Amino acid sequence: SMSVLDNIRVGGHRQSRGNFLSDSLGLPAA
């Protein structure tokens, strides 16, 4: 049900080192 773009983004997610707080608040690093 997800787009081609979003499926590929999922594959790269492990390369992104985020955390719950910065991601949920939309901080600049996120």
mmCIF file of all heavy atoms, coordinates in Angstrom:
data_MODEL
# 
_entry.id   MODEL 
# 
loop_
_atom_site.group_PDB 
_atom_site.id 
_atom_site.type_symbol 
_atom_site.label_atom_id 
_atom_site.label_alt_id 
_atom_site.label_comp_id 
_atom_site.label_asym_id 
_atom_site.label_entity_id 
_atom_site.label_seq_id 
_atom_site.pdbx_PDB_ins_code 
_atom_site.Cartn_x 
_atom_site.Cartn_y 
_atom_site.Cartn_z 
_atom_site.occupancy 
_atom_site.B_iso_or_equiv 
_atom_site.pdbx_formal_charge 
_atom_site.auth_seq_id 
_atom_site.auth_comp_id 
_atom_site.auth_asym_id 
_atom_site.auth_atom_id 
_atom_site.pdbx_PDB_model_num 
ATOM 1   N N   . SER A 1 1  ? 0.810  -1.214 0.000  1.00 0.00 ? 1  SER A N   1 
ATOM 2   C CA  . SER A 1 1  ? 0.000  0.000  0.000  1.00 0.00 ? 1  SER A CA  1 
ATOM 3   C C   . SER A 1 1  ? 0.848  1.270  0.000  1.00 0.00 ? 1  SER A C   1 
ATOM 4   O O   . SER A 1 1  ? 0.312  2.364  -0.198 1.00 0.00 ? 1  SER A O   1 
ATOM 5   C CB  . SER A 1 1  ? -0.934 0.002  1.208  1.00 0.00 ? 1  SER A CB  1 
ATOM 6   O OG  . SER A 1 1  ? -0.180 0.018  2.415  1.00 0.00 ? 1  SER A OG  1 
ATOM 7   N N   . MET A 1 2  ? 2.142  1.120  0.202  1.00 0.00 ? 2  MET A N   1 
ATOM 8   C CA  . MET A 1 2  ? 3.026  2.280  0.220  1.00 0.00 ? 2  MET A CA  1 
ATOM 9   C C   . MET A 1 2  ? 3.574  2.571  -1.169 1.00 0.00 ? 2  MET A C   1 
ATOM 10  O O   . MET A 1 2  ? 3.633  1.687  -2.035 1.00 0.00 ? 2  MET A O   1 
ATOM 11  C CB  . MET A 1 2  ? 4.191  2.051  1.203  1.00 0.00 ? 2  MET A CB  1 
ATOM 12  C CG  . MET A 1 2  ? 3.752  2.064  2.657  1.00 0.00 ? 2  MET A CG  1 
ATOM 13  S SD  . MET A 1 2  ? 5.048  1.485  3.808  1.00 0.00 ? 2  MET A SD  1 
ATOM 14  C CE  . MET A 1 2  ? 6.421  2.543  3.359  1.00 0.00 ? 2  MET A CE  1 
ATOM 15  N N   . SER A 1 3  ? 3.978  3.794  -1.394 1.00 0.00 ? 3  SER A N   1 
ATOM 16  C CA  . SER A 1 3  ? 4.516  4.180  -2.701 1.00 0.00 ? 3  SER A CA  1 
ATOM 17  C C   . SER A 1 3  ? 5.899  3.578  -2.915 1.00 0.00 ? 3  SER A C   1 
ATOM 18  O O   . SER A 1 3  ? 6.566  3.114  -1.975 1.00 0.00 ? 3  SER A O   1 
ATOM 19  C CB  . SER A 1 3  ? 4.613  5.704  -2.801 1.00 0.00 ? 3  SER A CB  1 
ATOM 20  O OG  . SER A 1 3  ? 5.640  6.196  -1.939 1.00 0.00 ? 3  SER A OG  1 
ATOM 21  N N   . VAL A 1 4  ? 6.335  3.606  -4.161 1.00 0.00 ? 4  VAL A N   1 
ATOM 22  C CA  . VAL A 1 4  ? 7.686  3.166  -4.513 1.00 0.00 ? 4  VAL A CA  1 
ATOM 23  C C   . VAL A 1 4  ? 8.711  3.970  -3.707 1.00 0.00 ? 4  VAL A C   1 
ATOM 24  O O   . VAL A 1 4  ? 9.645  3.414  -3.118 1.00 0.00 ? 4  VAL A O   1 
ATOM 25  C CB  . VAL A 1 4  ? 7.929  3.332  -6.024 1.00 0.00 ? 4  VAL A CB  1 
ATOM 26  C CG1 . VAL A 1 4  ? 9.407  3.146  -6.375 1.00 0.00 ? 4  VAL A CG1 1 
ATOM 27  C CG2 . VAL A 1 4  ? 7.063  2.345  -6.803 1.00 0.00 ? 4  VAL A CG2 1 
ATOM 28  N N   . LEU A 1 5  ? 8.534  5.282  -3.685 1.00 0.00 ? 5  LEU A N   1 
ATOM 29  C CA  . LEU A 1 5  ? 9.466  6.149  -2.955 1.00 0.00 ? 5  LEU A CA  1 
ATOM 30  C C   . LEU A 1 5  ? 9.560  5.754  -1.490 1.00 0.00 ? 5  LEU A C   1 
ATOM 31  O O   . LEU A 1 5  ? 10.663 5.621  -0.936 1.00 0.00 ? 5  LEU A O   1 
ATOM 32  C CB  . LEU A 1 5  ? 9.022  7.606  -3.083 1.00 0.00 ? 5  LEU A CB  1 
ATOM 33  C CG  . LEU A 1 5  ? 9.811  8.632  -2.250 1.00 0.00 ? 5  LEU A CG  1 
ATOM 34  C CD1 . LEU A 1 5  ? 11.273 8.662  -2.666 1.00 0.00 ? 5  LEU A CD1 1 
ATOM 35  C CD2 . LEU A 1 5  ? 9.173  10.021 -2.371 1.00 0.00 ? 5  LEU A CD2 1 
ATOM 36  N N   . ASP A 1 6  ? 8.417  5.538  -0.838 1.00 0.00 ? 6  ASP A N   1 
ATOM 37  C CA  . ASP A 1 6  ? 8.435  5.234  0.585  1.00 0.00 ? 6  ASP A CA  1 
ATOM 38  C C   . ASP A 1 6  ? 9.010  3.845  0.866  1.00 0.00 ? 6  ASP A C   1 
ATOM 39  O O   . ASP A 1 6  ? 9.668  3.635  1.885  1.00 0.00 ? 6  ASP A O   1 
ATOM 40  C CB  . ASP A 1 6  ? 7.033  5.355  1.179  1.00 0.00 ? 6  ASP A CB  1 
ATOM 41  C CG  . ASP A 1 6  ? 6.602  6.809  1.340  1.00 0.00 ? 6  ASP A CG  1 
ATOM 42  O OD1 . ASP A 1 6  ? 7.488  7.683  1.382  1.00 0.00 ? 6  ASP A OD1 1 
ATOM 43  O OD2 . ASP A 1 6  ? 5.388  7.063  1.419  1.00 0.00 ? 6  ASP A OD2 1 
ATOM 44  N N   . ASN A 1 7  ? 8.766  2.885  -0.028 1.00 0.00 ? 7  ASN A N   1 
ATOM 45  C CA  . ASN A 1 7  ? 9.375  1.572  0.136  1.00 0.00 ? 7  ASN A CA  1 
ATOM 46  C C   . ASN A 1 7  ? 10.901 1.661  0.109  1.00 0.00 ? 7  ASN A C   1 
ATOM 47  O O   . ASN A 1 7  ? 11.586 1.016  0.905  1.00 0.00 ? 7  ASN A O   1 
ATOM 48  C CB  . ASN A 1 7  ? 8.895  0.612  -0.959 1.00 0.00 ? 7  ASN A CB  1 
ATOM 49  C CG  . ASN A 1 7  ? 7.696  -0.206 -0.549 1.00 0.00 ? 7  ASN A CG  1 
ATOM 50  O OD1 . ASN A 1 7  ? 7.818  -1.259 0.067  1.00 0.00 ? 7  ASN A OD1 1 
ATOM 51  N ND2 . ASN A 1 7  ? 6.511  0.293  -0.902 1.00 0.00 ? 7  ASN A ND2 1 
ATOM 52  N N   . ILE A 1 8  ? 11.418 2.478  -0.779 1.00 0.00 ? 8  ILE A N   1 
ATOM 53  C CA  . ILE A 1 8  ? 12.868 2.613  -0.883 1.00 0.00 ? 8  ILE A CA  1 
ATOM 54  C C   . ILE A 1 8  ? 13.417 3.367  0.323  1.00 0.00 ? 8  ILE A C   1 
ATOM 55  O O   . ILE A 1 8  ? 14.499 3.045  0.840  1.00 0.00 ? 8  ILE A O   1 
ATOM 56  C CB  . ILE A 1 8  ? 13.247 3.301  -2.204 1.00 0.00 ? 8  ILE A CB  1 
ATOM 57  C CG1 . ILE A 1 8  ? 12.772 2.446  -3.391 1.00 0.00 ? 8  ILE A CG1 1 
ATOM 58  C CG2 . ILE A 1 8  ? 14.757 3.523  -2.308 1.00 0.00 ? 8  ILE A CG2 1 
ATOM 59  C CD1 . ILE A 1 8  ? 12.916 3.117  -4.741 1.00 0.00 ? 8  ILE A CD1 1 
ATOM 60  N N   . ARG A 1 9  ? 12.673 4.370  0.784  1.00 0.00 ? 9  ARG A N   1 
ATOM 61  C CA  . ARG A 1 9  ? 13.096 5.099  1.987  1.00 0.00 ? 9  ARG A CA  1 
ATOM 62  C C   . ARG A 1 9  ? 13.208 4.156  3.189  1.00 0.00 ? 9  ARG A C   1 
ATOM 63  O O   . ARG A 1 9  ? 14.118 4.289  4.012  1.00 0.00 ? 9  ARG A O   1 
ATOM 64  C CB  . ARG A 1 9  ? 12.104 6.219  2.296  1.00 0.00 ? 9  ARG A CB  1 
ATOM 65  C CG  . ARG A 1 9  ? 12.334 7.499  1.506  1.00 0.00 ? 9  ARG A CG  1 
ATOM 66  C CD  . ARG A 1 9  ? 11.156 8.474  1.650  1.00 0.00 ? 9  ARG A CD  1 
ATOM 67  N NE  . ARG A 1 9  ? 10.705 8.582  3.028  1.00 0.00 ? 9  ARG A NE  1 
ATOM 68  C CZ  . ARG A 1 9  ? 11.190 9.478  3.900  1.00 0.00 ? 9  ARG A CZ  1 
ATOM 69  N NH1 . ARG A 1 9  ? 12.130 10.331 3.532  1.00 0.00 ? 9  ARG A NH1 1 
ATOM 70  N NH2 . ARG A 1 9  ? 10.710 9.522  5.133  1.00 0.00 ? 9  ARG A NH2 1 
ATOM 71  N N   . VAL A 1 10 ? 12.293 3.195  3.289  1.00 0.00 ? 10 VAL A N   1 
ATOM 72  C CA  . VAL A 1 10 ? 12.357 2.221  4.375  1.00 0.00 ? 10 VAL A CA  1 
ATOM 73  C C   . VAL A 1 10 ? 13.691 1.470  4.347  1.00 0.00 ? 10 VAL A C   1 
ATOM 74  O O   . VAL A 1 10 ? 14.302 1.223  5.392  1.00 0.00 ? 10 VAL A O   1 
ATOM 75  C CB  . VAL A 1 10 ? 11.173 1.235  4.280  1.00 0.00 ? 10 VAL A CB  1 
ATOM 76  C CG1 . VAL A 1 10 ? 11.391 0.035  5.202  1.00 0.00 ? 10 VAL A CG1 1 
ATOM 77  C CG2 . VAL A 1 10 ? 9.864  1.925  4.640  1.00 0.00 ? 10 VAL A CG2 1 
ATOM 78  N N   . GLY A 1 11 ? 14.143 1.134  3.151  1.00 0.00 ? 11 GLY A N   1 
ATOM 79  C CA  . GLY A 1 11 ? 15.403 0.411  3.030  1.00 0.00 ? 11 GLY A CA  1 
ATOM 80  C C   . GLY A 1 11 ? 16.593 1.190  3.548  1.00 0.00 ? 11 GLY A C   1 
ATOM 81  O O   . GLY A 1 11 ? 17.572 0.604  4.023  1.00 0.00 ? 11 GLY A O   1 
ATOM 82  N N   . GLY A 1 12 ? 16.528 2.512  3.469  1.00 0.00 ? 12 GLY A N   1 
ATOM 83  C CA  . GLY A 1 12 ? 17.635 3.331  3.930  1.00 0.00 ? 12 GLY A CA  1 
ATOM 84  C C   . GLY A 1 12 ? 17.526 3.760  5.373  1.00 0.00 ? 12 GLY A C   1 
ATOM 85  O O   . GLY A 1 12 ? 18.421 4.442  5.887  1.00 0.00 ? 12 GLY A O   1 
ATOM 86  N N   . HIS A 1 13 ? 16.476 3.334  6.044  1.00 0.00 ? 13 HIS A N   1 
ATOM 87  C CA  . HIS A 1 13 ? 16.223 3.830  7.395  1.00 0.00 ? 13 HIS A CA  1 
ATOM 88  C C   . HIS A 1 13 ? 17.319 3.449  8.373  1.00 0.00 ? 13 HIS A C   1 
ATOM 89  O O   . HIS A 1 13 ? 17.645 4.205  9.291  1.00 0.00 ? 13 HIS A O   1 
ATOM 90  C CB  . HIS A 1 13 ? 14.881 3.304  7.895  1.00 0.00 ? 13 HIS A CB  1 
ATOM 91  C CG  . HIS A 1 13 ? 14.438 3.921  9.187  1.00 0.00 ? 13 HIS A CG  1 
ATOM 92  N ND1 . HIS A 1 13 ? 14.628 3.303  10.414 1.00 0.00 ? 13 HIS A ND1 1 
ATOM 93  C CD2 . HIS A 1 13 ? 13.836 5.114  9.451  1.00 0.00 ? 13 HIS A CD2 1 
ATOM 94  C CE1 . HIS A 1 13 ? 14.162 4.086  11.371 1.00 0.00 ? 13 HIS A CE1 1 
ATOM 95  N NE2 . HIS A 1 13 ? 13.673 5.171  10.828 1.00 0.00 ? 13 HIS A NE2 1 
ATOM 96  N N   . ARG A 1 14 ? 17.939 2.265  8.190  1.00 0.00 ? 14 ARG A N   1 
ATOM 97  C CA  . ARG A 1 14 ? 18.978 1.837  9.114  1.00 0.00 ? 14 ARG A CA  1 
ATOM 98  C C   . ARG A 1 14 ? 20.231 2.707  9.003  1.00 0.00 ? 14 ARG A C   1 
ATOM 99  O O   . ARG A 1 14 ? 21.070 2.702  9.892  1.00 0.00 ? 14 ARG A O   1 
ATOM 100 C CB  . ARG A 1 14 ? 19.347 0.384  8.859  1.00 0.00 ? 14 ARG A CB  1 
ATOM 101 C CG  . ARG A 1 14 ? 18.252 -0.594 9.159  1.00 0.00 ? 14 ARG A CG  1 
ATOM 102 C CD  . ARG A 1 14 ? 17.872 -0.645 10.610 1.00 0.00 ? 14 ARG A CD  1 
ATOM 103 N NE  . ARG A 1 14 ? 18.950 -1.105 11.472 1.00 0.00 ? 14 ARG A NE  1 
ATOM 104 C CZ  . ARG A 1 14 ? 18.847 -1.283 12.773 1.00 0.00 ? 14 ARG A CZ  1 
ATOM 105 N NH1 . ARG A 1 14 ? 17.714 -1.002 13.376 1.00 0.00 ? 14 ARG A NH1 1 
ATOM 106 N NH2 . ARG A 1 14 ? 19.863 -1.715 13.489 1.00 0.00 ? 14 ARG A NH2 1 
ATOM 107 N N   . GLN A 1 15 ? 20.358 3.428  7.876  1.00 0.00 ? 15 GLN A N   1 
ATOM 108 C CA  . GLN A 1 15 ? 21.495 4.325  7.728  1.00 0.00 ? 15 GLN A CA  1 
ATOM 109 C C   . GLN A 1 15 ? 21.280 5.638  8.490  1.00 0.00 ? 15 GLN A C   1 
ATOM 110 O O   . GLN A 1 15 ? 22.203 6.423  8.667  1.00 0.00 ? 15 GLN A O   1 
ATOM 111 C CB  . GLN A 1 15 ? 21.713 4.647  6.242  1.00 0.00 ? 15 GLN A CB  1 
ATOM 112 C CG  . GLN A 1 15 ? 22.044 3.431  5.380  1.00 0.00 ? 15 GLN A CG  1 
ATOM 113 C CD  . GLN A 1 15 ? 23.390 2.845  5.732  1.00 0.00 ? 15 GLN A CD  1 
ATOM 114 O OE1 . GLN A 1 15 ? 24.355 3.565  5.947  1.00 0.00 ? 15 GLN A OE1 1 
ATOM 115 N NE2 . GLN A 1 15 ? 23.470 1.517  5.773  1.00 0.00 ? 15 GLN A NE2 1 
ATOM 116 N N   . SER A 1 16 ? 20.041 5.856  8.920  1.00 0.00 ? 16 SER A N   1 
ATOM 117 C CA  . SER A 1 16 ? 19.697 7.098  9.616  1.00 0.00 ? 16 SER A CA  1 
ATOM 118 C C   . SER A 1 16 ? 19.708 6.870  11.115 1.00 0.00 ? 16 SER A C   1 
ATOM 119 O O   . SER A 1 16 ? 19.018 5.987  11.622 1.00 0.00 ? 16 SER A O   1 
ATOM 120 C CB  . SER A 1 16 ? 18.305 7.565  9.173  1.00 0.00 ? 16 SER A CB  1 
ATOM 121 O OG  . SER A 1 16 ? 17.886 8.676  9.902  1.00 0.00 ? 16 SER A OG  1 
ATOM 122 N N   . ARG A 1 17 ? 20.511 7.637  11.844 1.00 0.00 ? 17 ARG A N   1 
ATOM 123 C CA  . ARG A 1 17 ? 20.644 7.451  13.288 1.00 0.00 ? 17 ARG A CA  1 
ATOM 124 C C   . ARG A 1 17 ? 19.850 8.518  14.029 1.00 0.00 ? 17 ARG A C   1 
ATOM 125 O O   . ARG A 1 17 ? 20.359 9.557  14.420 1.00 0.00 ? 17 ARG A O   1 
ATOM 126 C CB  . ARG A 1 17 ? 22.121 7.514  13.695 1.00 0.00 ? 17 ARG A CB  1 
ATOM 127 C CG  . ARG A 1 17 ? 22.980 6.464  13.006 1.00 0.00 ? 17 ARG A CG  1 
ATOM 128 C CD  . ARG A 1 17 ? 22.527 5.067  13.394 1.00 0.00 ? 17 ARG A CD  1 
ATOM 129 N NE  . ARG A 1 17 ? 23.313 4.038  12.716 1.00 0.00 ? 17 ARG A NE  1 
ATOM 130 C CZ  . ARG A 1 17 ? 23.075 2.745  12.787 1.00 0.00 ? 17 ARG A CZ  1 
ATOM 131 N NH1 . ARG A 1 17 ? 22.042 2.322  13.495 1.00 0.00 ? 17 ARG A NH1 1 
ATOM 132 N NH2 . ARG A 1 17 ? 23.840 1.885  12.155 1.00 0.00 ? 17 ARG A NH2 1 
ATOM 133 N N   . GLY A 1 18 ? 18.566 8.256  14.170 1.00 0.00 ? 18 GLY A N   1 
ATOM 134 C CA  . GLY A 1 18 ? 17.722 9.214  14.860 1.00 0.00 ? 18 GLY A CA  1 
ATOM 135 C C   . GLY A 1 18 ? 17.339 8.716  16.240 1.00 0.00 ? 18 GLY A C   1 
ATOM 136 O O   . GLY A 1 18 ? 17.828 7.708  16.728 1.00 0.00 ? 18 GLY A O   1 
ATOM 137 N N   . ASN A 1 19 ? 16.448 9.449  16.893 1.00 0.00 ? 19 ASN A N   1 
ATOM 138 C CA  . ASN A 1 19 ? 15.892 9.004  18.167 1.00 0.00 ? 19 ASN A CA  1 
ATOM 139 C C   . ASN A 1 19 ? 14.454 9.500  18.262 1.00 0.00 ? 19 ASN A C   1 
ATOM 140 O O   . ASN A 1 19 ? 14.024 10.379 17.511 1.00 0.00 ? 19 ASN A O   1 
ATOM 141 C CB  . ASN A 1 19 ? 16.727 9.518  19.347 1.00 0.00 ? 19 ASN A CB  1 
ATOM 142 C CG  . ASN A 1 19 ? 16.809 11.025 19.389 1.00 0.00 ? 19 ASN A CG  1 
ATOM 143 O OD1 . ASN A 1 19 ? 15.824 11.710 19.665 1.00 0.00 ? 19 ASN A OD1 1 
ATOM 144 N ND2 . ASN A 1 19 ? 17.996 11.570 19.098 1.00 0.00 ? 19 ASN A ND2 1 
ATOM 145 N N   . PHE A 1 20 ? 13.716 8.904  19.165 1.00 0.00 ? 20 PHE A N   1 
ATOM 146 C CA  . PHE A 1 20 ? 12.278 9.176  19.242 1.00 0.00 ? 20 PHE A CA  1 
ATOM 147 C C   . PHE A 1 20 ? 11.990 10.652 19.492 1.00 0.00 ? 20 PHE A C   1 
ATOM 148 O O   . PHE A 1 20 ? 11.101 11.234 18.867 1.00 0.00 ? 20 PHE A O   1 
ATOM 149 C CB  . PHE A 1 20 ? 11.648 8.320  20.349 1.00 0.00 ? 20 PHE A CB  1 
ATOM 150 C CG  . PHE A 1 20 ? 10.197 8.612  20.574 1.00 0.00 ? 20 PHE A CG  1 
ATOM 151 C CD1 . PHE A 1 20 ? 9.231  8.116  19.712 1.00 0.00 ? 20 PHE A CD1 1 
ATOM 152 C CD2 . PHE A 1 20 ? 9.785  9.418  21.634 1.00 0.00 ? 20 PHE A CD2 1 
ATOM 153 C CE1 . PHE A 1 20 ? 7.892  8.389  19.903 1.00 0.00 ? 20 PHE A CE1 1 
ATOM 154 C CE2 . PHE A 1 20 ? 8.449  9.699  21.834 1.00 0.00 ? 20 PHE A CE2 1 
ATOM 155 C CZ  . PHE A 1 20 ? 7.502  9.183  20.967 1.00 0.00 ? 20 PHE A CZ  1 
ATOM 156 N N   . LEU A 1 21 ? 12.745 11.268 20.394 1.00 0.00 ? 21 LEU A N   1 
ATOM 157 C CA  . LEU A 1 21 ? 12.462 12.651 20.773 1.00 0.00 ? 21 LEU A CA  1 
ATOM 158 C C   . LEU A 1 21 ? 12.656 13.608 19.601 1.00 0.00 ? 21 LEU A C   1 
ATOM 159 O O   . LEU A 1 21 ? 11.758 14.397 19.261 1.00 0.00 ? 21 LEU A O   1 
ATOM 160 C CB  . LEU A 1 21 ? 13.352 13.074 21.947 1.00 0.00 ? 21 LEU A CB  1 
ATOM 161 C CG  . LEU A 1 21 ? 13.133 14.498 22.458 1.00 0.00 ? 21 LEU A CG  1 
ATOM 162 C CD1 . LEU A 1 21 ? 11.711 14.667 22.978 1.00 0.00 ? 21 LEU A CD1 1 
ATOM 163 C CD2 . LEU A 1 21 ? 14.152 14.843 23.547 1.00 0.00 ? 21 LEU A CD2 1 
ATOM 164 N N   . SER A 1 22 ? 13.823 13.541 18.952 1.00 0.00 ? 22 SER A N   1 
ATOM 165 C CA  . SER A 1 22 ? 14.096 14.478 17.864 1.00 0.00 ? 22 SER A CA  1 
ATOM 166 C C   . SER A 1 22 ? 13.175 14.233 16.678 1.00 0.00 ? 22 SER A C   1 
ATOM 167 O O   . SER A 1 22 ? 12.732 15.176 16.014 1.00 0.00 ? 22 SER A O   1 
ATOM 168 C CB  . SER A 1 22 ? 15.562 14.372 17.430 1.00 0.00 ? 22 SER A CB  1 
ATOM 169 O OG  . SER A 1 22 ? 15.836 13.091 16.903 1.00 0.00 ? 22 SER A OG  1 
ATOM 170 N N   . ASP A 1 23 ? 12.841 12.940 16.434 1.00 0.00 ? 23 ASP A N   1 
ATOM 171 C CA  . ASP A 1 23 ? 11.953 12.633 15.308 1.00 0.00 ? 23 ASP A CA  1 
ATOM 172 C C   . ASP A 1 23 ? 10.535 13.123 15.582 1.00 0.00 ? 23 ASP A C   1 
ATOM 173 O O   . ASP A 1 23 ? 9.876  13.698 14.701 1.00 0.00 ? 23 ASP A O   1 
ATOM 174 C CB  . ASP A 1 23 ? 11.955 11.127 15.030 1.00 0.00 ? 23 ASP A CB  1 
ATOM 175 C CG  . ASP A 1 23 ? 13.271 10.637 14.445 1.00 0.00 ? 23 ASP A CG  1 
ATOM 176 O OD1 . ASP A 1 23 ? 14.081 11.486 14.034 1.00 0.00 ? 23 ASP A OD1 1 
ATOM 177 O OD2 . ASP A 1 23 ? 13.483 9.419  14.415 1.00 0.00 ? 23 ASP A OD2 1 
ATOM 178 N N   . SER A 1 24 ? 10.031 12.884 16.797 1.00 0.00 ? 24 SER A N   1 
ATOM 179 C CA  . SER A 1 24 ? 8.653  13.271 17.100 1.00 0.00 ? 24 SER A CA  1 
ATOM 180 C C   . SER A 1 24 ? 8.487  14.786 17.170 1.00 0.00 ? 24 SER A C   1 
ATOM 181 O O   . SER A 1 24 ? 7.421  15.318 16.839 1.00 0.00 ? 24 SER A O   1 
ATOM 182 C CB  . SER A 1 24 ? 8.209  12.645 18.423 1.00 0.00 ? 24 SER A CB  1 
ATOM 183 O OG  . SER A 1 24 ? 9.034  13.074 19.492 1.00 0.00 ? 24 SER A OG  1 
ATOM 184 N N   . LEU A 1 25 ? 9.546  15.502 17.578 1.00 0.00 ? 25 LEU A N   1 
ATOM 185 C CA  . LEU A 1 25 ? 9.468  16.962 17.678 1.00 0.00 ? 25 LEU A CA  1 
ATOM 186 C C   . LEU A 1 25 ? 9.860  17.662 16.378 1.00 0.00 ? 25 LEU A C   1 
ATOM 187 O O   . LEU A 1 25 ? 9.715  18.887 16.265 1.00 0.00 ? 25 LEU A O   1 
ATOM 188 C CB  . LEU A 1 25 ? 10.371 17.460 18.813 1.00 0.00 ? 25 LEU A CB  1 
ATOM 189 C CG  . LEU A 1 25 ? 9.981  17.031 20.226 1.00 0.00 ? 25 LEU A CG  1 
ATOM 190 C CD1 . LEU A 1 25 ? 10.988 17.549 21.244 1.00 0.00 ? 25 LEU A CD1 1 
ATOM 191 C CD2 . LEU A 1 25 ? 8.570  17.528 20.566 1.00 0.00 ? 25 LEU A CD2 1 
ATOM 192 N N   . GLY A 1 26 ? 10.333 16.894 15.412 1.00 0.00 ? 26 GLY A N   1 
ATOM 193 C CA  . GLY A 1 26 ? 10.734 17.500 14.147 1.00 0.00 ? 26 GLY A CA  1 
ATOM 194 C C   . GLY A 1 26 ? 11.902 18.452 14.291 1.00 0.00 ? 26 GLY A C   1 
ATOM 195 O O   . GLY A 1 26 ? 11.930 19.514 13.646 1.00 0.00 ? 26 GLY A O   1 
ATOM 196 N N   . LEU A 1 27 ? 12.861 18.087 15.125 1.00 0.00 ? 27 LEU A N   1 
ATOM 197 C CA  . LEU A 1 27 ? 14.030 18.931 15.331 1.00 0.00 ? 27 LEU A CA  1 
ATOM 198 C C   . LEU A 1 27 ? 14.881 18.995 14.061 1.00 0.00 ? 27 LEU A C   1 
ATOM 199 O O   . LEU A 1 27 ? 14.776 18.132 13.184 1.00 0.00 ? 27 LEU A O   1 
ATOM 200 C CB  . LEU A 1 27 ? 14.858 18.402 16.506 1.00 0.00 ? 27 LEU A CB  1 
ATOM 201 C CG  . LEU A 1 27 ? 14.143 18.408 17.871 1.00 0.00 ? 27 LEU A CG  1 
ATOM 202 C CD1 . LEU A 1 27 ? 15.061 17.873 18.949 1.00 0.00 ? 27 LEU A CD1 1 
ATOM 203 C CD2 . LEU A 1 27 ? 13.641 19.802 18.216 1.00 0.00 ? 27 LEU A CD2 1 
ATOM 204 N N   . PRO A 1 28 ? 15.713 20.037 13.922 1.00 0.00 ? 28 PRO A N   1 
ATOM 205 C CA  . PRO A 1 28 ? 16.495 20.205 12.689 1.00 0.00 ? 28 PRO A CA  1 
ATOM 206 C C   . PRO A 1 28 ? 17.289 18.971 12.275 1.00 0.00 ? 28 PRO A C   1 
ATOM 207 O O   . PRO A 1 28 ? 17.359 18.643 11.085 1.00 0.00 ? 28 PRO A O   1 
ATOM 208 C CB  . PRO A 1 28 ? 17.413 21.378 13.020 1.00 0.00 ? 28 PRO A CB  1 
ATOM 209 C CG  . PRO A 1 28 ? 16.636 22.177 14.013 1.00 0.00 ? 28 PRO A CG  1 
ATOM 210 C CD  . PRO A 1 28 ? 15.896 21.181 14.846 1.00 0.00 ? 28 PRO A CD  1 
ATOM 211 N N   . ALA A 1 29 ? 17.886 18.269 13.249 1.00 0.00 ? 29 ALA A N   1 
ATOM 212 C CA  . ALA A 1 29 ? 18.656 17.070 12.903 1.00 0.00 ? 29 ALA A CA  1 
ATOM 213 C C   . ALA A 1 29 ? 17.770 16.014 12.264 1.00 0.00 ? 29 ALA A C   1 
ATOM 214 O O   . ALA A 1 29 ? 18.164 15.340 11.300 1.00 0.00 ? 29 ALA A O   1 
ATOM 215 C CB  . ALA A 1 29 ? 19.346 16.503 14.145 1.00 0.00 ? 29 ALA A CB  1 
ATOM 216 N N   . ALA A 1 30 ? 16.543 15.870 12.778 1.00 0.00 ? 30 ALA A N   1 
ATOM 217 C CA  . ALA A 1 30 ? 15.608 14.895 12.219 1.00 0.00 ? 30 ALA A CA  1 
ATOM 218 C C   . ALA A 1 30 ? 15.177 15.297 10.822 1.00 0.00 ? 30 ALA A C   1 
ATOM 219 O O   . ALA A 1 30 ? 15.034 14.451 9.929  1.00 0.00 ? 30 ALA A O   1 
ATOM 220 C CB  . ALA A 1 30 ? 14.393 14.764 13.132 1.00 0.00 ? 30 ALA A CB  1 
# 
